[in-house]
Amino acid sequence: MATRLSALAHEGRLTIFRLLVRAGPTGLAAGDIARQLEILPNTLSANLNVLSHAGLLASHRQGRSIIYAADFGAMRDLIGFLVEDCCDGAPEICAPLGDVLARVACCVPSTANLEPAR
């Protein structure tokens, strides 16, 4: 989990990951990510590499493009890890998280839809 947290601790990588979460399981081509976020290709490539090695992204080739998509299972695991020990006998501490987690749960695709389209 530390590798995933470390990968997301960089503002640029966090921005890329959030864009790919919004894009859903179909993902985006690397060129589209670069254009939308106005990132130089070499900077984008380095950031995508770190996110991929952390297990936060899936990728596949589609013609001449490489399509990147957020790994929603890894994202759920990370969120679960962060709140796993929440409350420890004091539920009022984490009660506000219930609303946030419920909103997140409704937006995450089912496990049947996690594979990027080919």
C-alpha atoms as a PDB file:
ATOM      1  CA  MET A   1       0.000   0.000   0.000  1.00  0.00           C
ATOM      2  CA  ALA A   2       2.880   2.359   0.669  1.00  0.00           C
ATOM      3  CA  THR A   3       3.882   2.189  -3.012  1.00  0.00           C
ATOM      4  CA  ARG A   4       0.364   3.157  -4.083  1.00  0.00           C
ATOM      5  CA  LEU A   5       0.177   5.995  -1.586  1.00  0.00           C
ATOM      6  CA  SER A   6       3.606   7.199  -2.664  1.00  0.00           C
ATOM      7  CA  ALA A   7       2.556   7.168  -6.326  1.00  0.00           C
ATOM      8  CA  LEU A   8      -0.504   9.277  -5.532  1.00  0.00           C
ATOM      9  CA  ALA A   9       1.465  11.667  -3.299  1.00  0.00           C
ATOM     10  CA  HIS A  10       2.683  13.519  -6.400  1.00  0.00           C
ATOM     11  CA  GLU A  11       0.251  16.205  -7.577  1.00  0.00           C
ATOM     12  CA  GLY A  12       0.704  15.403 -11.265  1.00  0.00           C
ATOM     13  CA  ARG A  13       0.164  11.664 -10.798  1.00  0.00           C
ATOM     14  CA  LEU A  14      -2.859  12.275  -8.588  1.00  0.00           C
ATOM     15  CA  THR A  15      -4.349  14.510 -11.297  1.00  0.00           C
ATOM     16  CA  ILE A  16      -3.762  11.813 -13.927  1.00  0.00           C
ATOM     17  CA  PHE A  17      -5.279   9.122 -11.719  1.00  0.00           C
ATOM     18  CA  ARG A  18      -8.361  11.235 -10.960  1.00  0.00           C
ATOM     19  CA  LEU A  19      -8.849  11.914 -14.697  1.00  0.00           C
ATOM     20  CA  LEU A  20      -8.684   8.183 -15.396  1.00  0.00           C
ATOM     21  CA  VAL A  21     -11.144   7.446 -12.583  1.00  0.00           C
ATOM     22  CA  ARG A  22     -13.574   9.912 -14.192  1.00  0.00           C
ATOM     23  CA  ALA A  23     -12.979   8.273 -17.591  1.00  0.00           C
ATOM     24  CA  GLY A  24     -14.166   4.939 -16.194  1.00  0.00           C
ATOM     25  CA  PRO A  25     -13.081   1.448 -17.189  1.00  0.00           C
ATOM     26  CA  THR A  26     -12.725   2.299 -20.892  1.00  0.00           C
ATOM     27  CA  GLY A  27      -9.847   4.622 -20.024  1.00  0.00           C
ATOM     28  CA  LEU A  28      -8.105   7.167 -22.229  1.00  0.00           C
ATOM     29  CA  ALA A  29      -5.328   7.128 -24.783  1.00  0.00           C
ATOM     30  CA  ALA A  30      -2.040   8.554 -23.552  1.00  0.00           C
ATOM     31  CA  GLY A  31      -2.271  11.358 -26.120  1.00  0.00           C
ATOM     32  CA  ASP A  32      -5.722  12.331 -24.864  1.00  0.00           C
ATOM     33  CA  ILE A  33      -4.449  12.446 -21.275  1.00  0.00           C
ATOM     34  CA  ALA A  34      -1.540  14.676 -22.343  1.00  0.00           C
ATOM     35  CA  ARG A  35      -3.854  17.041 -24.235  1.00  0.00           C
ATOM     36  CA  GLN A  36      -6.502  17.258 -21.521  1.00  0.00           C
ATOM     37  CA  LEU A  37      -3.992  17.899 -18.755  1.00  0.00           C
ATOM     38  CA  GLU A  38      -1.511  19.839 -20.897  1.00  0.00           C
ATOM     39  CA  ILE A  39       1.366  17.575 -19.863  1.00  0.00           C
ATOM     40  CA  LEU A  40       4.488  17.032 -21.931  1.00  0.00           C
ATOM     41  CA  PRO A  41       4.633  13.477 -23.336  1.00  0.00           C
ATOM     42  CA  ASN A  42       7.868  12.547 -21.533  1.00  0.00           C
ATOM     43  CA  THR A  43       6.502  13.797 -18.192  1.00  0.00           C
ATOM     44  CA  LEU A  44       3.241  11.930 -18.770  1.00  0.00           C
ATOM     45  CA  SER A  45       5.111   8.751 -19.669  1.00  0.00           C
ATOM     46  CA  ALA A  46       7.169   8.888 -16.473  1.00  0.00           C
ATOM     47  CA  ASN A  47       4.067   9.486 -14.343  1.00  0.00           C
ATOM     48  CA  LEU A  48       2.063   6.724 -16.046  1.00  0.00           C
ATOM     49  CA  ASN A  49       5.002   4.372 -15.467  1.00  0.00           C
ATOM     50  CA  VAL A  50       5.024   5.103 -11.716  1.00  0.00           C
ATOM     51  CA  LEU A  51       1.231   4.660 -11.461  1.00  0.00           C
ATOM     52  CA  SER A  52       1.390   1.418 -13.445  1.00  0.00           C
ATOM     53  CA  HIS A  53       4.198  -0.032 -11.322  1.00  0.00           C
ATOM     54  CA  ALA A  54       2.184   0.851  -8.217  1.00  0.00           C
ATOM     55  CA  GLY A  55      -0.670  -1.289  -9.585  1.00  0.00           C
ATOM     56  CA  LEU A  56      -3.080   1.628  -9.953  1.00  0.00           C
ATOM     57  CA  LEU A  57      -3.453   1.476 -13.749  1.00  0.00           C
ATOM     58  CA  ALA A  58      -4.155  -1.079 -16.424  1.00  0.00           C
ATOM     59  CA  SER A  59      -3.108  -0.509 -20.017  1.00  0.00           C
ATOM     60  CA  HIS A  60      -3.565  -2.096 -23.396  1.00  0.00           C
ATOM     61  CA  ARG A  61      -2.722  -1.294 -26.986  1.00  0.00           C
ATOM     62  CA  GLN A  62      -5.499  -0.190 -29.301  1.00  0.00           C
ATOM     63  CA  GLY A  63      -4.131   0.345 -32.784  1.00  0.00           C
ATOM     64  CA  ARG A  64      -1.294   2.833 -32.462  1.00  0.00           C
ATOM     65  CA  SER A  65      -2.445   4.101 -29.050  1.00  0.00           C
ATOM     66  CA  ILE A  66      -1.926   2.822 -25.549  1.00  0.00           C
ATOM     67  CA  ILE A  67      -5.094   3.096 -23.507  1.00  0.00           C
ATOM     68  CA  TYR A  68      -4.739   3.615 -19.755  1.00  0.00           C
ATOM     69  CA  ALA A  69      -7.506   2.969 -17.226  1.00  0.00           C
ATOM     70  CA  ALA A  70      -7.690   3.234 -13.465  1.00  0.00           C
ATOM     71  CA  ASP A  71      -7.664  -0.122 -11.699  1.00  0.00           C
ATOM     72  CA  PHE A  72     -10.838   0.237  -9.645  1.00  0.00           C
ATOM     73  CA  GLY A  73     -10.084  -2.881  -7.613  1.00  0.00           C
ATOM     74  CA  ALA A  74      -6.752  -1.397  -6.524  1.00  0.00           C
ATOM     75  CA  MET A  75      -8.491   1.884  -5.736  1.00  0.00           C
ATOM     76  CA  ARG A  76     -11.086   0.109  -3.575  1.00  0.00           C
ATOM     77  CA  ASP A  77      -8.321  -1.820  -1.800  1.00  0.00           C
ATOM     78  CA  LEU A  78      -6.474   1.420  -1.080  1.00  0.00           C
ATOM     79  CA  ILE A  79      -9.579   3.179   0.231  1.00  0.00           C
ATOM     80  CA  GLY A  80     -10.386   0.123   2.343  1.00  0.00           C
ATOM     81  CA  PHE A  81      -6.859   0.077   3.734  1.00  0.00           C
ATOM     82  CA  LEU A  82      -7.095   3.747   4.698  1.00  0.00           C
ATOM     83  CA  VAL A  83     -10.328   3.301   6.647  1.00  0.00           C
ATOM     84  CA  GLU A  84      -9.841  -0.293   7.804  1.00  0.00           C
ATOM     85  CA  ASP A  85      -8.946   0.587  11.380  1.00  0.00           C
ATOM     86  CA  CYS A  86     -11.169   3.628  11.574  1.00  0.00           C
ATOM     87  CA  CYS A  87     -13.168   4.197  14.738  1.00  0.00           C
ATOM     88  CA  ASP A  88     -11.452   1.629  16.985  1.00  0.00           C
ATOM     89  CA  GLY A  89     -14.147   1.901  19.611  1.00  0.00           C
ATOM     90  CA  ALA A  90     -15.129   5.505  18.825  1.00  0.00           C
ATOM     91  CA  PRO A  91     -17.572   5.379  15.888  1.00  0.00           C
ATOM     92  CA  GLU A  92     -18.232   9.142  16.073  1.00  0.00           C
ATOM     93  CA  ILE A  93     -14.725   9.714  14.691  1.00  0.00           C
ATOM     94  CA  CYS A  94     -15.467   8.021  11.372  1.00  0.00           C
ATOM     95  CA  ALA A  95     -19.217   8.584  11.126  1.00  0.00           C
ATOM     96  CA  PRO A  96     -18.788  11.362   8.538  1.00  0.00           C
ATOM     97  CA  LEU A  97     -16.861   8.941   6.332  1.00  0.00           C
ATOM     98  CA  GLY A  98     -19.981   6.806   5.921  1.00  0.00           C
ATOM     99  CA  ASP A  99     -21.568   9.381   3.607  1.00  0.00           C
ATOM    100  CA  VAL A 100     -18.373   9.776   1.585  1.00  0.00           C
ATOM    101  CA  LEU A 101     -17.848   6.036   1.187  1.00  0.00           C
ATOM    102  CA  ALA A 102     -21.492   5.527   0.192  1.00  0.00           C
ATOM    103  CA  ARG A 103     -21.101   8.119  -2.582  1.00  0.00           C
ATOM    104  CA  VAL A 104     -17.883   6.454  -3.766  1.00  0.00           C
ATOM    105  CA  ALA A 105     -19.439   2.977  -3.710  1.00  0.00           C
ATOM    106  CA  CYS A 106     -22.252   4.064  -6.009  1.00  0.00           C
ATOM    107  CA  CYS A 107     -19.795   5.342  -8.606  1.00  0.00           C
ATOM    108  CA  VAL A 108     -17.407   2.389  -8.810  1.00  0.00           C
ATOM    109  CA  PRO A 109     -18.224  -0.066 -11.603  1.00  0.00           C
ATOM    110  CA  SER A 110     -19.038  -3.615 -10.663  1.00  0.00           C
ATOM    111  CA  THR A 111     -16.165  -6.091 -10.822  1.00  0.00           C
ATOM    112  CA  ALA A 112     -17.616  -7.469 -14.039  1.00  0.00           C
ATOM    113  CA  ASN A 113     -16.850  -4.155 -15.761  1.00  0.00           C
ATOM    114  CA  LEU A 114     -13.297  -3.594 -14.509  1.00  0.00           C
ATOM    115  CA  GLU A 115     -11.498  -4.868 -17.604  1.00  0.00           C
ATOM    116  CA  PRO A 116     -10.799  -2.112 -20.127  1.00  0.00           C
ATOM    117  CA  ALA A 117     -12.583  -2.475 -23.452  1.00  0.00           C
ATOM    118  CA  ARG A 118     -10.444  -4.145 -26.113  1.00  0.00           C
END
